[in-house]
Amino acid sequence: MKTDLGDVLNKIGESFKQEIANESKVYLEVDIGKQAEKFGYSDMKEKYHGVSAVVPLKQALPGMKVMIDGRTFIRYAQFESGIAVPEYVAREAGLRYQTYQPNDSMILNFA
């Protein structure tokens, strides 16, 4: 099933394709609402504002880093692209996913 949300999530995955490492402990958060607007889906901006996709990175980027407990990501889903989102978002998107397996400690990279 193709949805606009699924399209946005696929485009996020494609945008970060070169930087993603599925099992990395270092990650970026990407606001799905802001990305939806950027990709031309302005009607989704408010609904998904503040809802983040987790983008696991091959390596840390310049910028501040904060240690995060991996249990923060309970009930998250990961797509083939490597990005992870809350499970309810994955269900709404209608894309195939698996349960996200974060590390015990994660490093949020503010870039």
N, C-alpha and C. Protein backbone atom coordinates (compact mmCIF):
# COMPACT_ATOMS: atom_id res chain seq x y z
N MET A 1 0.85 -1.17 0.00
CA MET A 1 0.00 0.00 0.00
C MET A 1 0.91 1.25 0.00
N LYS A 2 0.67 2.14 -0.92
CA LYS A 2 1.46 3.37 -1.02
C LYS A 2 0.71 4.50 -0.35
N THR A 3 1.41 5.18 0.54
CA THR A 3 0.82 6.34 1.21
C THR A 3 1.77 7.51 1.08
N ASP A 4 1.27 8.72 1.30
CA ASP A 4 2.14 9.90 1.29
C ASP A 4 3.18 9.80 2.39
N LEU A 5 2.76 9.29 3.56
CA LEU A 5 3.71 9.13 4.67
C LEU A 5 4.80 8.15 4.28
N GLY A 6 4.42 7.07 3.64
CA GLY A 6 5.41 6.09 3.17
C GLY A 6 6.38 6.72 2.20
N ASP A 7 5.87 7.58 1.33
CA ASP A 7 6.72 8.28 0.37
C ASP A 7 7.72 9.19 1.10
N VAL A 8 7.24 9.92 2.10
CA VAL A 8 8.12 10.81 2.87
C VAL A 8 9.21 9.99 3.56
N LEU A 9 8.84 8.89 4.20
CA LEU A 9 9.83 8.05 4.90
C LEU A 9 10.84 7.45 3.93
N ASN A 10 10.38 7.04 2.77
CA ASN A 10 11.31 6.53 1.76
C ASN A 10 12.28 7.61 1.31
N LYS A 11 11.79 8.84 1.15
CA LYS A 11 12.65 9.94 0.72
C LYS A 11 13.66 10.31 1.81
N ILE A 12 13.25 10.21 3.07
CA ILE A 12 14.21 10.46 4.16
C ILE A 12 15.32 9.41 4.09
N GLY A 13 14.94 8.15 3.94
CA GLY A 13 15.93 7.08 3.83
C GLY A 13 16.87 7.29 2.65
N GLU A 14 16.31 7.72 1.53
CA GLU A 14 17.11 7.97 0.34
C GLU A 14 18.05 9.16 0.55
N SER A 15 17.58 10.19 1.25
CA SER A 15 18.39 11.38 1.50
C SER A 15 19.65 11.07 2.32
N PHE A 16 19.54 10.10 3.22
CA PHE A 16 20.65 9.76 4.10
C PHE A 16 21.32 8.44 3.73
N LYS A 17 21.01 7.92 2.58
CA LYS A 17 21.46 6.60 2.15
C LYS A 17 22.95 6.36 2.38
N GLN A 18 23.79 7.33 2.03
CA GLN A 18 25.24 7.17 2.13
C GLN A 18 25.76 7.21 3.56
N GLU A 19 24.98 7.77 4.49
CA GLU A 19 25.43 7.91 5.88
C GLU A 19 24.89 6.84 6.82
N ILE A 20 23.96 6.01 6.35
CA ILE A 20 23.27 5.07 7.24
C ILE A 20 24.05 3.78 7.47
N ALA A 21 24.11 3.38 8.74
CA ALA A 21 24.63 2.08 9.15
C ALA A 21 23.58 1.50 10.10
N ASN A 22 22.83 0.52 9.65
CA ASN A 22 21.65 0.00 10.36
C ASN A 22 21.82 -0.24 11.85
N GLU A 23 22.95 -0.75 12.28
CA GLU A 23 23.11 -1.12 13.68
C GLU A 23 23.98 -0.16 14.49
N SER A 24 24.17 1.04 13.97
CA SER A 24 25.03 2.01 14.63
C SER A 24 24.44 2.50 15.95
N LYS A 25 25.31 2.90 16.85
CA LYS A 25 24.85 3.49 18.11
C LYS A 25 24.76 5.01 18.01
N VAL A 26 25.33 5.61 16.95
CA VAL A 26 25.29 7.05 16.72
C VAL A 26 24.14 7.34 15.76
N TYR A 27 23.34 8.35 16.09
CA TYR A 27 22.19 8.63 15.22
C TYR A 27 21.83 10.10 15.22
N LEU A 28 21.07 10.47 14.19
CA LEU A 28 20.46 11.79 14.06
C LEU A 28 18.96 11.61 14.23
N GLU A 29 18.30 12.65 14.68
CA GLU A 29 16.84 12.67 14.66
C GLU A 29 16.40 13.62 13.56
N VAL A 30 15.45 13.19 12.75
CA VAL A 30 14.93 14.00 11.65
C VAL A 30 13.43 14.16 11.87
N ASP A 31 12.97 15.41 11.92
CA ASP A 31 11.56 15.71 12.13
C ASP A 31 10.77 15.34 10.87
N ILE A 32 9.86 14.39 11.01
CA ILE A 32 9.09 13.89 9.87
C ILE A 32 8.19 14.99 9.30
N GLY A 33 7.59 15.80 10.16
CA GLY A 33 6.72 16.88 9.69
C GLY A 33 7.47 17.89 8.84
N LYS A 34 8.65 18.29 9.28
CA LYS A 34 9.46 19.24 8.51
C LYS A 34 9.90 18.63 7.18
N GLN A 35 10.26 17.37 7.22
CA GLN A 35 10.67 16.71 5.98
C GLN A 35 9.49 16.57 5.02
N ALA A 36 8.31 16.28 5.55
CA ALA A 36 7.12 16.16 4.71
C ALA A 36 6.88 17.48 3.97
N GLU A 37 6.99 18.59 4.69
CA GLU A 37 6.81 19.90 4.06
C GLU A 37 7.88 20.13 2.99
N LYS A 38 9.11 19.79 3.30
CA LYS A 38 10.22 19.95 2.36
C LYS A 38 9.97 19.17 1.07
N PHE A 39 9.36 18.00 1.19
CA PHE A 39 9.10 17.14 0.03
C PHE A 39 7.77 17.45 -0.65
N GLY A 40 7.09 18.50 -0.19
CA GLY A 40 5.86 18.93 -0.86
C GLY A 40 4.57 18.43 -0.26
N TYR A 41 4.62 17.84 0.92
CA TYR A 41 3.43 17.34 1.60
C TYR A 41 3.11 18.24 2.79
N SER A 42 2.79 19.49 2.50
CA SER A 42 2.58 20.48 3.58
C SER A 42 1.39 20.12 4.47
N ASP A 43 0.45 19.34 3.96
CA ASP A 43 -0.70 18.93 4.77
C ASP A 43 -0.31 17.98 5.91
N MET A 44 0.87 17.39 5.84
CA MET A 44 1.33 16.46 6.87
C MET A 44 2.19 17.15 7.93
N LYS A 45 2.55 18.40 7.69
CA LYS A 45 3.49 19.10 8.56
C LYS A 45 3.05 19.10 10.02
N GLU A 46 1.83 19.51 10.28
CA GLU A 46 1.38 19.61 11.68
C GLU A 46 1.19 18.25 12.34
N LYS A 47 0.63 17.30 11.60
CA LYS A 47 0.37 15.98 12.19
C LYS A 47 1.66 15.30 12.66
N TYR A 48 2.74 15.47 11.90
CA TYR A 48 3.99 14.77 12.22
C TYR A 48 5.07 15.70 12.75
N HIS A 49 4.71 16.96 13.04
CA HIS A 49 5.68 17.88 13.64
C HIS A 49 6.09 17.35 15.02
N GLY A 50 7.38 17.26 15.24
CA GLY A 50 7.88 16.76 16.52
C GLY A 50 8.00 15.24 16.58
N VAL A 51 7.57 14.54 15.54
CA VAL A 51 7.73 13.09 15.47
C VAL A 51 9.02 12.84 14.69
N SER A 52 9.95 12.14 15.31
CA SER A 52 11.27 11.99 14.70
C SER A 52 11.53 10.61 14.13
N ALA A 53 12.25 10.63 13.02
CA ALA A 53 12.81 9.40 12.46
C ALA A 53 14.24 9.32 12.99
N VAL A 54 14.66 8.13 13.34
CA VAL A 54 16.02 7.87 13.81
C VAL A 54 16.84 7.46 12.59
N VAL A 55 17.94 8.16 12.36
CA VAL A 55 18.83 7.86 11.24
C VAL A 55 20.16 7.39 11.83
N PRO A 56 20.40 6.06 11.87
CA PRO A 56 21.66 5.54 12.42
C PRO A 56 22.82 5.86 11.47
N LEU A 57 23.88 6.44 12.00
CA LEU A 57 24.98 6.94 11.18
C LEU A 57 26.20 6.02 11.19
N LYS A 58 26.88 5.96 10.06
CA LYS A 58 28.13 5.20 9.98
C LYS A 58 29.17 5.77 10.93
N GLN A 59 29.20 7.09 11.03
CA GLN A 59 30.15 7.75 11.92
C GLN A 59 29.54 9.05 12.44
N ALA A 60 30.04 9.49 13.56
CA ALA A 60 29.55 10.73 14.16
C ALA A 60 29.86 11.92 13.25
N LEU A 61 28.97 12.88 13.27
CA LEU A 61 29.15 14.12 12.53
C LEU A 61 29.61 15.20 13.49
N PRO A 62 30.19 16.29 12.98
CA PRO A 62 30.55 17.39 13.87
C PRO A 62 29.30 17.91 14.58
N GLY A 63 29.46 18.35 15.78
CA GLY A 63 28.33 18.87 16.54
C GLY A 63 28.25 18.21 17.91
N MET A 64 27.31 18.69 18.70
CA MET A 64 27.12 18.18 20.05
C MET A 64 26.59 16.74 20.02
N LYS A 65 26.98 15.97 21.00
CA LYS A 65 26.54 14.58 21.14
C LYS A 65 26.05 14.35 22.55
N VAL A 66 24.98 13.55 22.67
CA VAL A 66 24.39 13.27 23.97
C VAL A 66 24.12 11.76 24.06
N MET A 67 24.48 11.15 25.19
CA MET A 67 24.23 9.73 25.41
C MET A 67 22.76 9.53 25.76
N ILE A 68 22.11 8.57 25.10
CA ILE A 68 20.69 8.27 25.29
C ILE A 68 20.53 6.78 25.60
N ASP A 69 19.66 6.48 26.53
CA ASP A 69 19.35 5.09 26.88
C ASP A 69 18.61 4.44 25.71
N GLY A 70 19.09 3.31 25.24
CA GLY A 70 18.47 2.61 24.11
C GLY A 70 17.03 2.21 24.35
N ARG A 71 16.63 2.11 25.63
CA ARG A 71 15.24 1.76 25.92
C ARG A 71 14.26 2.86 25.51
N THR A 72 14.80 4.02 25.16
CA THR A 72 13.98 5.11 24.65
C THR A 72 13.23 4.67 23.39
N PHE A 73 13.80 3.71 22.68
CA PHE A 73 13.27 3.31 21.38
C PHE A 73 12.42 2.04 21.42
N ILE A 74 11.80 1.80 22.55
CA ILE A 74 10.88 0.68 22.65
C ILE A 74 9.70 0.97 21.72
N ARG A 75 9.25 -0.03 21.04
CA ARG A 75 8.15 0.08 20.08
C ARG A 75 8.50 0.96 18.89
N TYR A 76 9.73 0.83 18.42
CA TYR A 76 10.15 1.49 17.19
C TYR A 76 10.29 0.44 16.11
N ALA A 77 10.11 0.86 14.88
CA ALA A 77 10.20 -0.02 13.72
C ALA A 77 11.31 0.48 12.81
N GLN A 78 12.00 -0.46 12.16
CA GLN A 78 13.08 -0.08 11.25
C GLN A 78 12.75 -0.58 9.84
N PHE A 79 12.97 0.29 8.87
CA PHE A 79 12.72 -0.03 7.47
C PHE A 79 14.00 -0.54 6.82
N GLU A 80 13.86 -1.07 5.61
CA GLU A 80 15.02 -1.56 4.87
C GLU A 80 16.06 -0.47 4.67
N SER A 81 15.63 0.76 4.56
CA SER A 81 16.57 1.88 4.37
C SER A 81 17.48 2.07 5.57
N GLY A 82 17.06 1.57 6.74
CA GLY A 82 17.84 1.72 7.96
C GLY A 82 17.23 2.71 8.94
N ILE A 83 16.37 3.62 8.46
CA ILE A 83 15.78 4.58 9.39
C ILE A 83 14.75 3.86 10.27
N ALA A 84 14.55 4.41 11.46
CA ALA A 84 13.59 3.83 12.40
C ALA A 84 12.62 4.93 12.83
N VAL A 85 11.38 4.52 13.08
CA VAL A 85 10.32 5.44 13.50
C VAL A 85 9.47 4.75 14.55
N PRO A 86 8.68 5.52 15.31
CA PRO A 86 7.75 4.86 16.23
C PRO A 86 6.86 3.88 15.45
N GLU A 87 6.56 2.78 16.07
CA GLU A 87 5.81 1.72 15.39
C GLU A 87 4.48 2.20 14.81
N TYR A 88 3.78 3.09 15.52
CA TYR A 88 2.50 3.56 15.00
C TYR A 88 2.68 4.32 13.68
N VAL A 89 3.80 5.01 13.52
CA VAL A 89 4.09 5.72 12.27
C VAL A 89 4.34 4.70 11.16
N ALA A 90 5.08 3.66 11.47
CA ALA A 90 5.35 2.62 10.47
C ALA A 90 4.05 1.96 10.01
N ARG A 91 3.14 1.70 10.95
CA ARG A 91 1.85 1.11 10.57
C ARG A 91 1.06 2.05 9.67
N GLU A 92 1.05 3.35 10.02
CA GLU A 92 0.33 4.34 9.21
C GLU A 92 0.93 4.45 7.81
N ALA A 93 2.24 4.27 7.71
CA ALA A 93 2.92 4.40 6.42
C ALA A 93 2.62 3.23 5.49
N GLY A 94 2.31 2.08 6.07
CA GLY A 94 2.02 0.91 5.26
C GLY A 94 3.24 0.27 4.62
N LEU A 95 4.42 0.57 5.15
CA LEU A 95 5.66 -0.02 4.62
C LEU A 95 6.07 -1.24 5.43
N ARG A 96 6.80 -2.14 4.79
CA ARG A 96 7.32 -3.31 5.51
C ARG A 96 8.40 -2.85 6.48
N TYR A 97 8.39 -3.43 7.67
CA TYR A 97 9.37 -3.06 8.68
C TYR A 97 9.64 -4.24 9.60
N GLN A 98 10.68 -4.08 10.39
CA GLN A 98 10.99 -5.04 11.44
C GLN A 98 11.16 -4.26 12.74
N THR A 99 11.14 -4.95 13.86
CA THR A 99 11.32 -4.30 15.15
C THR A 99 12.74 -3.73 15.22
N TYR A 100 12.84 -2.48 15.62
CA TYR A 100 14.14 -1.81 15.75
C TYR A 100 14.85 -2.35 16.98
N GLN A 101 16.11 -2.71 16.81
CA GLN A 101 16.94 -3.23 17.89
C GLN A 101 18.05 -2.23 18.22
N PRO A 102 17.77 -1.25 19.07
CA PRO A 102 18.80 -0.25 19.37
C PRO A 102 19.89 -0.85 20.26
N ASN A 103 21.01 -0.16 20.35
CA ASN A 103 22.06 -0.54 21.29
C ASN A 103 21.60 -0.16 22.70
N ASP A 104 22.25 -0.71 23.72
CA ASP A 104 21.89 -0.36 25.10
C ASP A 104 22.08 1.14 25.34
N SER A 105 23.14 1.69 24.79
CA SER A 105 23.40 3.13 24.88
C SER A 105 23.51 3.66 23.46
N MET A 106 22.85 4.77 23.22
CA MET A 106 22.87 5.39 21.90
C MET A 106 23.47 6.79 22.04
N ILE A 107 23.98 7.31 20.95
CA ILE A 107 24.57 8.65 20.97
C ILE A 107 23.81 9.52 19.96
N LEU A 108 23.06 10.47 20.48
CA LEU A 108 22.33 11.41 19.64
C LEU A 108 23.30 12.49 19.17
N ASN A 109 23.44 12.60 17.87
CA ASN A 109 24.35 13.56 17.25
C ASN A 109 23.53 14.75 16.76
N PHE A 110 23.75 15.92 17.35
CA PHE A 110 23.10 17.15 16.90
C PHE A 110 24.02 17.75 15.84
N ALA A 111 23.59 17.72 14.61
CA ALA A 111 24.46 18.24 13.54
C ALA A 111 23.86 19.50 12.93
